[in-house]
């Protein structure tokens, strides 16, 4: 029974870790889109 409870905690911690990584990657993608838009505006102004 104790192995089952330990497994639940370990599985939950791994799940939370993976969700945090996915959330961080999503935020990074949004930031990259914003940076690309800003760079495109600068290129349009210079033309």
N, C-alpha and C. Protein backbone atom coordinates (compact mmCIF):
# COMPACT_ATOMS: atom_id res chain seq x y z
N UNK A 1 0.83 -1.21 0.00
CA UNK A 1 0.00 0.00 0.00
C UNK A 1 0.87 1.26 0.00
N UNK A 2 1.95 1.22 0.76
CA UNK A 2 2.81 2.41 0.83
C UNK A 2 3.48 2.67 -0.53
N UNK A 3 3.79 1.58 -1.28
CA UNK A 3 4.38 1.77 -2.61
C UNK A 3 3.41 2.49 -3.53
N UNK A 4 2.13 2.17 -3.40
CA UNK A 4 1.11 2.81 -4.22
C UNK A 4 1.04 4.31 -3.92
N UNK A 5 1.08 4.67 -2.67
CA UNK A 5 1.01 6.08 -2.28
C UNK A 5 2.27 6.82 -2.75
N UNK A 6 3.42 6.19 -2.59
CA UNK A 6 4.67 6.81 -3.06
C UNK A 6 4.60 6.99 -4.57
N UNK A 7 4.08 6.00 -5.28
CA UNK A 7 3.94 6.09 -6.73
C UNK A 7 3.03 7.22 -7.15
N UNK A 8 1.95 7.42 -6.39
CA UNK A 8 1.04 8.53 -6.68
C UNK A 8 1.76 9.86 -6.55
N UNK A 9 2.52 10.04 -5.48
CA UNK A 9 3.24 11.29 -5.27
C UNK A 9 4.30 11.52 -6.34
N UNK A 10 5.04 10.47 -6.68
CA UNK A 10 6.08 10.60 -7.70
C UNK A 10 5.45 10.93 -9.05
N UNK A 11 4.37 10.23 -9.38
CA UNK A 11 3.68 10.50 -10.64
C UNK A 11 3.12 11.91 -10.70
N UNK A 12 2.58 12.37 -9.59
CA UNK A 12 2.04 13.74 -9.54
C UNK A 12 3.15 14.77 -9.71
N UNK A 13 4.28 14.54 -9.08
CA UNK A 13 5.40 15.48 -9.20
C UNK A 13 5.92 15.52 -10.64
N UNK A 14 6.03 14.36 -11.26
CA UNK A 14 6.48 14.32 -12.66
C UNK A 14 5.47 15.04 -13.55
N UNK A 15 4.18 14.83 -13.30
CA UNK A 15 3.14 15.50 -14.08
C UNK A 15 3.20 17.01 -13.94
N UNK A 16 3.38 17.49 -12.73
CA UNK A 16 3.48 18.93 -12.49
C UNK A 16 4.72 19.49 -13.19
N UNK A 17 5.82 18.78 -13.13
CA UNK A 17 7.05 19.22 -13.78
C UNK A 17 6.85 19.34 -15.29
N UNK A 18 6.21 18.35 -15.89
CA UNK A 18 5.98 18.39 -17.34
C UNK A 18 5.01 19.51 -17.70
N UNK A 19 3.98 19.74 -16.88
CA UNK A 19 3.06 20.84 -17.16
C UNK A 19 3.77 22.18 -17.08
N UNK A 20 4.68 22.34 -16.13
CA UNK A 20 5.45 23.58 -16.03
C UNK A 20 6.33 23.78 -17.26
N UNK A 21 6.95 22.70 -17.74
CA UNK A 21 7.77 22.82 -18.95
C UNK A 21 6.92 23.23 -20.15
N UNK A 22 5.73 22.62 -20.28
CA UNK A 22 4.86 22.96 -21.41
C UNK A 22 4.39 24.41 -21.32
N UNK A 23 4.07 24.86 -20.12
CA UNK A 23 3.63 26.24 -19.93
C UNK A 23 4.76 27.21 -20.26
N UNK A 24 5.97 26.87 -19.85
CA UNK A 24 7.11 27.72 -20.16
C UNK A 24 7.37 27.77 -21.66
N UNK A 25 7.25 26.66 -22.33
CA UNK A 25 7.44 26.63 -23.79
C UNK A 25 6.37 27.45 -24.48
N UNK A 26 5.14 27.38 -24.00
CA UNK A 26 4.05 28.17 -24.59
C UNK A 26 4.31 29.66 -24.43
N UNK A 27 4.73 30.06 -23.25
CA UNK A 27 5.04 31.48 -23.03
C UNK A 27 6.20 31.93 -23.90
N UNK A 28 7.19 31.07 -24.06
CA UNK A 28 8.33 31.41 -24.91
C UNK A 28 7.91 31.58 -26.36
N UNK A 29 7.00 30.73 -26.83
CA UNK A 29 6.50 30.86 -28.21
C UNK A 29 5.79 32.19 -28.41
N UNK A 30 4.99 32.60 -27.43
CA UNK A 30 4.28 33.87 -27.53
C UNK A 30 5.26 35.04 -27.56
N UNK A 31 6.30 34.95 -26.72
CA UNK A 31 7.30 36.01 -26.69
C UNK A 31 8.06 36.09 -28.01
N UNK A 32 8.37 34.94 -28.59
CA UNK A 32 9.07 34.93 -29.87
C UNK A 32 8.21 35.55 -30.97
N UNK A 33 6.91 35.29 -30.95
CA UNK A 33 6.01 35.90 -31.94
C UNK A 33 6.01 37.41 -31.80
N UNK A 34 5.97 37.90 -30.55
CA UNK A 34 5.98 39.34 -30.32
C UNK A 34 7.29 39.95 -30.80
N UNK A 35 8.42 39.28 -30.51
CA UNK A 35 9.71 39.81 -30.95
C UNK A 35 9.80 39.84 -32.47
N UNK A 36 9.28 38.81 -33.13
CA UNK A 36 9.31 38.79 -34.60
C UNK A 36 8.45 39.92 -35.17
N UNK A 37 7.31 40.20 -34.54
CA UNK A 37 6.46 41.30 -35.01
C UNK A 37 7.19 42.63 -34.85
N UNK A 38 7.88 42.83 -33.74
CA UNK A 38 8.61 44.07 -33.51
C UNK A 38 9.73 44.22 -34.54
N UNK A 39 10.45 43.11 -34.80
CA UNK A 39 11.53 43.17 -35.78
C UNK A 39 10.98 43.46 -37.17
N UNK A 40 9.83 42.92 -37.51
CA UNK A 40 9.23 43.17 -38.81
C UNK A 40 8.82 44.64 -38.94
N UNK A 41 8.33 45.23 -37.85
CA UNK A 41 7.97 46.66 -37.86
C UNK A 41 9.21 47.51 -38.10
N UNK A 42 10.32 47.16 -37.45
CA UNK A 42 11.55 47.92 -37.63
C UNK A 42 12.02 47.84 -39.08
N UNK A 43 11.91 46.64 -39.68
CA UNK A 43 12.32 46.48 -41.08
C UNK A 43 11.42 47.29 -42.00
N UNK A 44 10.12 47.36 -41.70
CA UNK A 44 9.20 48.14 -42.53
C UNK A 44 9.51 49.62 -42.44
N UNK A 45 9.89 50.10 -41.27
CA UNK A 45 10.19 51.51 -41.08
C UNK A 45 11.47 51.88 -41.83
N UNK A 46 12.44 50.99 -41.85
CA UNK A 46 13.73 51.27 -42.50
C UNK A 46 13.62 51.24 -44.01
N UNK A 47 12.62 50.58 -44.56
CA UNK A 47 12.50 50.48 -46.03
C UNK A 47 12.01 51.74 -46.64
